Amino acid sequence: MRGEIITSAGNPLLKAIKRAARRGETTPGGFIVAESPHLLREARASGVEIGAIVVDEAASAERKDEAGEAARSVSSDLFAELSSTEKSQGVITLARLPHHEPSAIFDREGLVVILDAVQDPGNVGTIVRTAEAFGAAGVILGSGTARAANPKTIRASAGSLFRLPVVSLSPAQVIGESLRADRRLLVASASSGAPVADFLSRKDAIVIGSEAHGVRSEYIDAAQQLHIPIQGAESLNAAIAAAVIVYEAQRNT
């Protein structure tokens, strides 16, 4: 690790990291803020562009060695202001997410997962991770859904955002792409339609809405509805429902 320890809150790199993390968006250079040694390893293994690595000056020698010679050391008080977690792990990476066209998802093998106004970034990141684990083609972040650049989304994805295609589309674009790619468009419902296990396949595209508001009418009017049979509970958390759906799609090849 080279160079002096950054001790100024006015440092442009630190200001860019702090603003992006606070707003849940990319830096002016287009990088996400990925916090943890694990995400640094995932970014490197996935081959994405890394714009910068910053390390807490108080981090262990092992952590600094892992960060590498190009990492910038930051005073502990300033690093604490950058961290979006209660207990920082001492490493923050600026990484560029791969750019994908919608066709990269809709023309790819596997279920297309569309999230409609899923606002909890932890749920969104978990769904991306689960989608990769069960061979989904990709994830569409629909209108009102938490951003991929949100630090909580990034952490919950555990690196899957670096590999699985993820794009943001409007309902009209989703419906248009589904028609173009000859994918059956489905909607996850609380109780309407056929059971997921009996109907869903990897060739479909399915919309998952928020627990509070469900799926918007544009999708319902253009799609068939499916449901996950449950007992007792009124509904499932969006991330849990997505896990059941992508698993069933993988089984029903």
Protein backbone atom coordinates (compact mmCIF):
# COMPACT_ATOMS: atom_id res chain seq x y z
CA MET A 1 0.00 0.00 0.00
CA ARG A 2 1.52 3.25 -1.13
CA GLY A 3 1.04 6.94 -0.51
CA GLU A 4 0.17 9.00 2.53
CA ILE A 5 -2.84 8.35 4.72
CA ILE A 6 -5.85 10.42 3.63
CA THR A 7 -6.80 12.67 6.53
CA SER A 8 -8.85 15.38 4.81
CA ALA A 9 -12.63 15.17 4.63
CA GLY A 10 -12.39 17.31 1.52
CA ASN A 11 -10.54 14.62 -0.43
CA PRO A 12 -12.43 14.19 -3.76
CA LEU A 13 -12.36 10.39 -3.60
CA LEU A 14 -13.82 10.29 -0.10
CA LYS A 15 -16.46 12.88 -0.97
CA ALA A 16 -17.53 10.82 -4.00
CA ILE A 17 -17.77 7.62 -1.93
CA LYS A 18 -19.70 9.26 0.89
CA ARG A 19 -22.21 10.93 -1.43
CA ALA A 20 -22.81 7.81 -3.53
CA ALA A 21 -23.28 5.58 -0.48
CA ARG A 22 -25.63 8.05 1.20
CA ARG A 23 -27.79 8.48 -1.92
CA GLY A 24 -27.66 4.86 -3.05
CA GLU A 25 -26.29 5.76 -6.45
CA THR A 26 -23.07 5.45 -8.43
CA THR A 27 -20.16 7.87 -8.12
CA PRO A 28 -19.70 10.54 -10.83
CA GLY A 29 -17.39 8.05 -12.53
CA GLY A 30 -20.10 5.37 -12.61
CA PHE A 31 -18.81 3.11 -9.82
CA ILE A 32 -20.82 1.46 -7.06
CA VAL A 33 -19.61 1.50 -3.47
CA ALA A 34 -18.98 -2.11 -2.39
CA GLU A 35 -18.05 -2.49 1.26
CA SER A 36 -16.30 -5.60 2.62
CA PRO A 37 -13.30 -7.77 1.74
CA HIS A 38 -15.70 -10.36 0.33
CA LEU A 39 -17.06 -7.92 -2.26
CA LEU A 40 -13.52 -6.91 -3.21
CA ARG A 41 -12.70 -10.57 -3.83
CA GLU A 42 -15.93 -11.05 -5.80
CA ALA A 43 -15.25 -7.98 -7.94
CA ARG A 44 -11.76 -9.20 -8.77
CA ALA A 45 -12.90 -12.74 -9.48
CA SER A 46 -15.69 -11.46 -11.73
CA GLY A 47 -13.30 -9.29 -13.71
CA VAL A 48 -15.25 -6.04 -13.32
CA GLU A 49 -13.46 -2.71 -13.50
CA ILE A 50 -12.22 -1.47 -10.13
CA GLY A 51 -11.90 2.29 -9.84
CA ALA A 52 -10.39 2.52 -6.36
CA ILE A 53 -9.89 0.65 -3.10
CA VAL A 54 -9.75 2.41 0.25
CA VAL A 55 -8.71 0.81 3.53
CA ASP A 56 -9.04 1.88 7.14
CA GLU A 57 -5.59 2.76 8.46
CA ALA A 58 -6.38 0.62 11.52
CA ALA A 59 -7.16 -2.47 9.44
CA SER A 60 -5.07 -5.57 10.01
CA ALA A 61 -1.92 -6.22 8.00
CA GLU A 62 -3.69 -9.17 6.39
CA ARG A 63 -6.57 -6.94 5.28
CA LYS A 64 -4.17 -4.38 3.84
CA ASP A 65 -2.21 -7.05 2.00
CA GLU A 66 -5.44 -8.35 0.49
CA ALA A 67 -6.40 -4.85 -0.63
CA GLY A 68 -3.12 -4.56 -2.49
CA GLU A 69 -0.49 -1.96 -3.24
CA ALA A 70 -2.88 0.30 -5.14
CA ALA A 71 -5.24 0.75 -2.17
CA ARG A 72 -5.49 4.13 -0.46
CA SER A 73 -5.24 4.24 3.33
CA VAL A 74 -7.77 6.46 5.14
CA SER A 75 -7.69 7.68 8.72
CA SER A 76 -10.04 5.71 10.95
CA ASP A 77 -12.28 8.63 11.83
CA LEU A 78 -12.88 9.47 8.17
CA PHE A 79 -13.34 5.82 7.22
CA ALA A 80 -16.05 5.49 9.88
CA GLU A 81 -17.94 8.29 8.10
CA LEU A 82 -17.72 6.38 4.80
CA SER A 83 -18.94 3.07 6.18
CA SER A 84 -22.65 2.29 5.82
CA THR A 85 -22.49 -0.64 8.24
CA GLU A 86 -22.54 -0.65 12.03
CA LYS A 87 -19.33 -2.66 12.17
CA SER A 88 -17.05 -1.85 9.28
CA GLN A 89 -14.75 -4.52 7.86
CA GLY A 90 -12.21 -1.90 6.86
CA VAL A 91 -12.30 -2.14 3.05
CA ILE A 92 -14.36 -0.25 0.46
CA THR A 93 -14.13 -0.92 -3.27
CA LEU A 94 -15.38 1.24 -6.12
CA ALA A 95 -16.49 -1.23 -8.81
CA ARG A 96 -18.27 -0.78 -12.12
CA LEU A 97 -21.28 -3.01 -12.69
CA PRO A 98 -21.40 -4.60 -16.16
CA HIS A 99 -23.75 -2.92 -18.63
CA HIS A 100 -26.42 -5.13 -20.17
CA GLU A 101 -29.05 -4.53 -22.83
CA PRO A 102 -32.55 -5.91 -22.11
CA SER A 103 -32.05 -8.52 -24.84
CA ALA A 104 -29.10 -9.91 -22.87
CA ILE A 105 -31.66 -11.08 -20.32
CA PHE A 106 -34.75 -11.88 -22.38
CA ASP A 107 -32.78 -13.86 -24.98
CA ARG A 108 -30.79 -15.75 -22.37
CA GLU A 109 -31.70 -19.19 -21.05
CA GLY A 110 -33.51 -19.20 -17.72
CA LEU A 111 -36.39 -17.47 -15.98
CA VAL A 112 -36.59 -13.67 -16.21
CA VAL A 113 -37.37 -12.15 -12.79
CA ILE A 114 -39.06 -8.74 -12.81
CA LEU A 115 -39.34 -6.75 -9.58
CA ASP A 116 -42.19 -4.26 -9.37
CA ALA A 117 -41.76 -1.59 -6.68
CA VAL A 118 -39.77 -3.87 -4.35
CA GLN A 119 -38.39 -1.02 -2.27
CA ASP A 120 -36.34 -2.87 0.34
CA PRO A 121 -32.75 -2.98 -0.98
CA GLY A 122 -31.96 -5.99 1.17
CA ASN A 123 -34.76 -7.93 -0.51
CA VAL A 124 -33.61 -6.81 -3.96
CA GLY A 125 -30.02 -7.91 -3.34
CA THR A 126 -31.15 -11.22 -1.90
CA ILE A 127 -33.36 -11.85 -4.94
CA VAL A 128 -30.43 -11.16 -7.29
CA ARG A 129 -28.30 -13.61 -5.35
CA THR A 130 -31.02 -16.26 -5.36
CA ALA A 131 -31.71 -15.72 -9.06
CA GLU A 132 -28.08 -16.41 -9.89
CA ALA A 133 -28.01 -19.48 -7.63
CA PHE A 134 -30.98 -21.07 -9.42
CA GLY A 135 -29.99 -20.25 -12.98
CA ALA A 136 -32.27 -17.31 -13.79
CA ALA A 137 -31.55 -15.37 -16.97
CA GLY A 138 -31.41 -12.10 -15.08
CA VAL A 139 -33.32 -9.60 -12.96
CA ILE A 140 -35.30 -6.57 -14.12
CA LEU A 141 -35.53 -3.71 -11.64
CA GLY A 142 -38.93 -2.27 -12.44
CA SER A 143 -40.36 1.12 -11.55
CA GLY A 144 -40.14 1.96 -7.84
CA THR A 145 -37.64 -0.81 -7.07
CA ALA A 146 -34.52 -0.17 -4.98
CA ARG A 147 -31.44 0.62 -7.04
CA ALA A 148 -28.67 -1.82 -7.74
CA ALA A 149 -26.22 0.84 -6.51
CA ASN A 150 -27.76 1.00 -3.04
CA PRO A 151 -25.10 -0.26 -0.57
CA LYS A 152 -27.65 -2.61 1.06
CA THR A 153 -28.55 -4.10 -2.33
CA ILE A 154 -24.87 -4.61 -3.08
CA ARG A 155 -24.14 -6.29 0.26
CA ALA A 156 -27.19 -8.56 0.07
CA SER A 157 -26.30 -9.66 -3.47
CA ALA A 158 -22.96 -10.97 -2.09
CA GLY A 159 -21.28 -10.45 -5.47
CA SER A 160 -24.04 -11.73 -7.75
CA LEU A 161 -24.52 -8.20 -9.13
CA PHE A 162 -21.08 -8.50 -10.71
CA ARG A 163 -22.16 -11.55 -12.75
CA LEU A 164 -25.92 -11.81 -13.25
CA PRO A 165 -27.42 -9.41 -15.84
CA VAL A 166 -29.52 -6.75 -14.10
CA VAL A 167 -31.27 -3.87 -15.91
CA SER A 168 -33.91 -1.26 -15.11
CA LEU A 169 -37.02 -1.17 -17.32
CA SER A 170 -40.50 0.36 -17.29
CA PRO A 171 -43.63 -1.85 -17.41
CA ALA A 172 -44.11 -1.01 -21.11
CA GLN A 173 -40.54 -2.08 -21.88
CA VAL A 174 -40.94 -5.33 -19.93
CA ILE A 175 -44.15 -6.19 -21.75
CA GLY A 176 -42.59 -5.32 -25.11
CA GLU A 177 -39.46 -7.39 -24.48
CA SER A 178 -41.51 -10.36 -23.31
CA LEU A 179 -43.53 -10.29 -26.54
CA ARG A 180 -40.42 -9.86 -28.70
CA ALA A 181 -38.64 -12.78 -27.04
CA ASP A 182 -41.79 -14.92 -27.09
CA ARG A 183 -41.75 -15.32 -23.32
CA ARG A 184 -44.94 -15.94 -21.42
CA LEU A 185 -45.42 -13.05 -18.98
CA LEU A 186 -46.66 -14.11 -15.55
CA VAL A 187 -47.52 -12.33 -12.32
CA ALA A 188 -46.97 -13.68 -8.81
CA SER A 189 -50.26 -13.31 -6.97
CA ALA A 190 -51.18 -13.87 -3.34
CA SER A 191 -53.88 -16.41 -4.22
CA SER A 192 -55.04 -16.14 -7.85
CA GLY A 193 -54.12 -18.35 -10.78
CA ALA A 194 -52.48 -21.76 -11.02
CA PRO A 195 -49.95 -22.98 -8.44
CA VAL A 196 -46.39 -22.02 -9.33
CA ALA A 197 -45.14 -25.60 -9.25
CA ASP A 198 -47.71 -26.72 -11.83
CA PHE A 199 -47.28 -23.99 -14.42
CA LEU A 200 -44.00 -22.10 -14.27
CA SER A 201 -41.00 -22.88 -16.49
CA ARG A 202 -37.54 -21.49 -17.21
CA LYS A 203 -38.85 -20.00 -20.47
CA ASP A 204 -41.17 -17.58 -18.67
CA ALA A 205 -40.86 -14.07 -17.31
CA ILE A 206 -42.49 -13.41 -13.93
CA VAL A 207 -43.31 -10.21 -12.08
CA ILE A 208 -42.92 -10.11 -8.30
CA GLY A 209 -44.41 -7.13 -6.48
CA SER A 210 -44.07 -5.60 -3.06
CA GLU A 211 -45.83 -7.06 -0.04
CA ALA A 212 -47.62 -3.77 0.59
CA HIS A 213 -49.01 -3.05 -2.87
CA GLY A 214 -48.66 -6.19 -4.97
CA VAL A 215 -48.20 -5.86 -8.73
CA ARG A 216 -49.39 -2.83 -10.70
CA SER A 217 -52.32 -3.10 -13.09
CA GLU A 218 -50.23 -2.75 -16.28
CA TYR A 219 -48.68 -6.13 -15.58
CA ILE A 220 -51.87 -7.80 -14.38
CA ASP A 221 -53.71 -6.75 -17.55
CA ALA A 222 -50.95 -8.21 -19.76
CA ALA A 223 -50.11 -11.40 -17.87
CA GLN A 224 -51.37 -14.63 -16.39
CA GLN A 225 -51.38 -14.98 -12.62
CA LEU A 226 -49.71 -17.67 -10.51
CA HIS A 227 -49.60 -18.19 -6.78
CA ILE A 228 -47.56 -20.04 -4.17
CA PRO A 229 -49.91 -22.15 -2.03
CA ILE A 230 -49.34 -21.27 1.62
CA GLN A 231 -51.12 -21.98 4.88
CA GLY A 232 -51.83 -19.61 7.75
CA ALA A 233 -49.70 -16.63 6.76
CA GLU A 234 -51.35 -13.97 4.61
CA SER A 235 -48.34 -13.56 2.28
CA LEU A 236 -44.61 -14.20 1.86
CA ASN A 237 -41.74 -11.77 2.01
CA ALA A 238 -40.78 -10.79 -1.57
CA ALA A 239 -37.33 -12.38 -1.30
CA ILE A 240 -38.78 -15.64 0.05
CA ALA A 241 -41.42 -15.73 -2.67
CA ALA A 242 -38.74 -15.12 -5.31
CA ALA A 243 -36.65 -17.98 -3.93
CA VAL A 244 -39.57 -20.41 -4.22
CA ILE A 245 -40.39 -19.17 -7.72
CA VAL A 246 -36.88 -19.41 -9.21
CA TYR A 247 -36.35 -22.82 -7.61
CA GLU A 248 -39.60 -24.15 -9.08
CA ALA A 249 -38.70 -22.70 -12.50
CA GLN A 250 -35.37 -24.52 -12.40
CA ARG A 251 -37.13 -27.80 -11.62
CA ASN A 252 -39.73 -27.37 -14.36
CA THR A 253 -37.37 -27.32 -17.31
